[in-house]
């Protein structure tokens, strides 16, 4: 997709120096990937304390030894 953006030069320059990314396209891709990753982390954190897995690791380990 080709898109024209009007971005502040100082913001682009600072982001490029922090990331060592050399072109603006890769910088925008990286920024979008980080935004998506951070959003997914926030969504996962919302489950903290809400999911009861009730897993007995010893039982799981013994089951795998006998299935073998």
C-alpha atoms as a PDB file:
ATOM      1  CA  UNK A   1       0.000   0.000   0.000  1.00  0.00           C
ATOM      2  CA  UNK A   2       1.357   3.395  -0.925  1.00  0.00           C
ATOM      3  CA  UNK A   3       0.497   6.154   1.549  1.00  0.00           C
ATOM      4  CA  UNK A   4       1.609   9.741   1.871  1.00  0.00           C
ATOM      5  CA  UNK A   5       2.205  10.896   5.436  1.00  0.00           C
ATOM      6  CA  UNK A   6       3.075  14.271   6.892  1.00  0.00           C
ATOM      7  CA  UNK A   7       5.220  13.400   9.917  1.00  0.00           C
ATOM      8  CA  UNK A   8       7.327  15.676  12.099  1.00  0.00           C
ATOM      9  CA  UNK A   9      10.995  15.468  11.005  1.00  0.00           C
ATOM     10  CA  UNK A  10      12.296  15.548  14.566  1.00  0.00           C
ATOM     11  CA  UNK A  11      10.087  12.615  15.544  1.00  0.00           C
ATOM     12  CA  UNK A  12      11.253  10.551  12.572  1.00  0.00           C
ATOM     13  CA  UNK A  13      14.915  11.423  13.170  1.00  0.00           C
ATOM     14  CA  UNK A  14      14.741  10.527  16.860  1.00  0.00           C
ATOM     15  CA  UNK A  15      12.958   7.244  16.155  1.00  0.00           C
ATOM     16  CA  UNK A  16      15.489   6.352  13.474  1.00  0.00           C
ATOM     17  CA  UNK A  17      18.412   7.069  15.792  1.00  0.00           C
ATOM     18  CA  UNK A  18      16.893   5.020  18.625  1.00  0.00           C
ATOM     19  CA  UNK A  19      16.148   2.016  16.416  1.00  0.00           C
ATOM     20  CA  UNK A  20      19.065   2.219  13.978  1.00  0.00           C
ATOM     21  CA  UNK A  21      16.496   1.795  11.188  1.00  0.00           C
ATOM     22  CA  UNK A  22      17.780   3.449   8.040  1.00  0.00           C
ATOM     23  CA  UNK A  23      14.617   4.069   6.018  1.00  0.00           C
ATOM     24  CA  UNK A  24      11.275   5.564   6.880  1.00  0.00           C
ATOM     25  CA  UNK A  25       9.202   2.679   5.530  1.00  0.00           C
ATOM     26  CA  UNK A  26      10.917   0.187   7.820  1.00  0.00           C
ATOM     27  CA  UNK A  27      10.552   2.639  10.701  1.00  0.00           C
ATOM     28  CA  UNK A  28       6.791   2.889  10.200  1.00  0.00           C
ATOM     29  CA  UNK A  29       6.502  -0.904   9.879  1.00  0.00           C
ATOM     30  CA  UNK A  30       8.457  -1.352  13.112  1.00  0.00           C
ATOM     31  CA  UNK A  31       6.315   1.243  14.890  1.00  0.00           C
ATOM     32  CA  UNK A  32       3.111  -0.479  13.787  1.00  0.00           C
ATOM     33  CA  UNK A  33       4.430  -3.903  14.840  1.00  0.00           C
ATOM     34  CA  UNK A  34       5.357  -2.530  18.271  1.00  0.00           C
ATOM     35  CA  UNK A  35       1.956  -0.869  18.647  1.00  0.00           C
ATOM     36  CA  UNK A  36       0.185  -4.147  17.843  1.00  0.00           C
ATOM     37  CA  UNK A  37       2.473  -6.150  20.155  1.00  0.00           C
ATOM     38  CA  UNK A  38       1.962  -3.730  23.038  1.00  0.00           C
ATOM     39  CA  UNK A  39      -1.799  -3.807  22.544  1.00  0.00           C
ATOM     40  CA  UNK A  40      -1.812  -7.624  22.639  1.00  0.00           C
ATOM     41  CA  UNK A  41       0.233  -7.563  25.853  1.00  0.00           C
ATOM     42  CA  UNK A  42      -2.287  -5.190  27.434  1.00  0.00           C
ATOM     43  CA  UNK A  43      -5.129  -7.491  26.375  1.00  0.00           C
ATOM     44  CA  UNK A  44      -3.369 -10.526  27.849  1.00  0.00           C
ATOM     45  CA  UNK A  45      -2.712  -8.693  31.113  1.00  0.00           C
ATOM     46  CA  UNK A  46      -6.444  -8.094  31.463  1.00  0.00           C
ATOM     47  CA  UNK A  47      -6.830 -11.854  32.032  1.00  0.00           C
ATOM     48  CA  UNK A  48      -4.502 -11.821  35.061  1.00  0.00           C
ATOM     49  CA  UNK A  49      -6.282 -13.542  37.932  1.00  0.00           C
ATOM     50  CA  UNK A  50      -9.293 -14.430  35.793  1.00  0.00           C
ATOM     51  CA  UNK A  51      -8.143 -17.715  34.268  1.00  0.00           C
ATOM     52  CA  UNK A  52      -7.977 -20.733  36.558  1.00  0.00           C
ATOM     53  CA  UNK A  53      -5.906 -23.350  34.779  1.00  0.00           C
ATOM     54  CA  UNK A  54      -5.792 -25.756  37.747  1.00  0.00           C
ATOM     55  CA  UNK A  55      -2.788 -27.582  36.292  1.00  0.00           C
ATOM     56  CA  UNK A  56      -0.872 -30.228  38.236  1.00  0.00           C
ATOM     57  CA  UNK A  57       2.556 -30.305  36.597  1.00  0.00           C
ATOM     58  CA  UNK A  58       3.530 -33.592  38.270  1.00  0.00           C
ATOM     59  CA  UNK A  59       0.491 -35.320  36.777  1.00  0.00           C
ATOM     60  CA  UNK A  60       1.271 -33.888  33.349  1.00  0.00           C
ATOM     61  CA  UNK A  61       4.887 -35.012  33.539  1.00  0.00           C
ATOM     62  CA  UNK A  62       3.944 -38.539  34.600  1.00  0.00           C
ATOM     63  CA  UNK A  63       1.353 -38.799  31.855  1.00  0.00           C
ATOM     64  CA  UNK A  64       3.945 -37.913  29.226  1.00  0.00           C
ATOM     65  CA  UNK A  65       6.351 -40.577  30.524  1.00  0.00           C
ATOM     66  CA  UNK A  66       3.748 -43.323  30.068  1.00  0.00           C
ATOM     67  CA  UNK A  67       2.532 -42.238  26.630  1.00  0.00           C
ATOM     68  CA  UNK A  68       5.860 -42.706  25.072  1.00  0.00           C
END
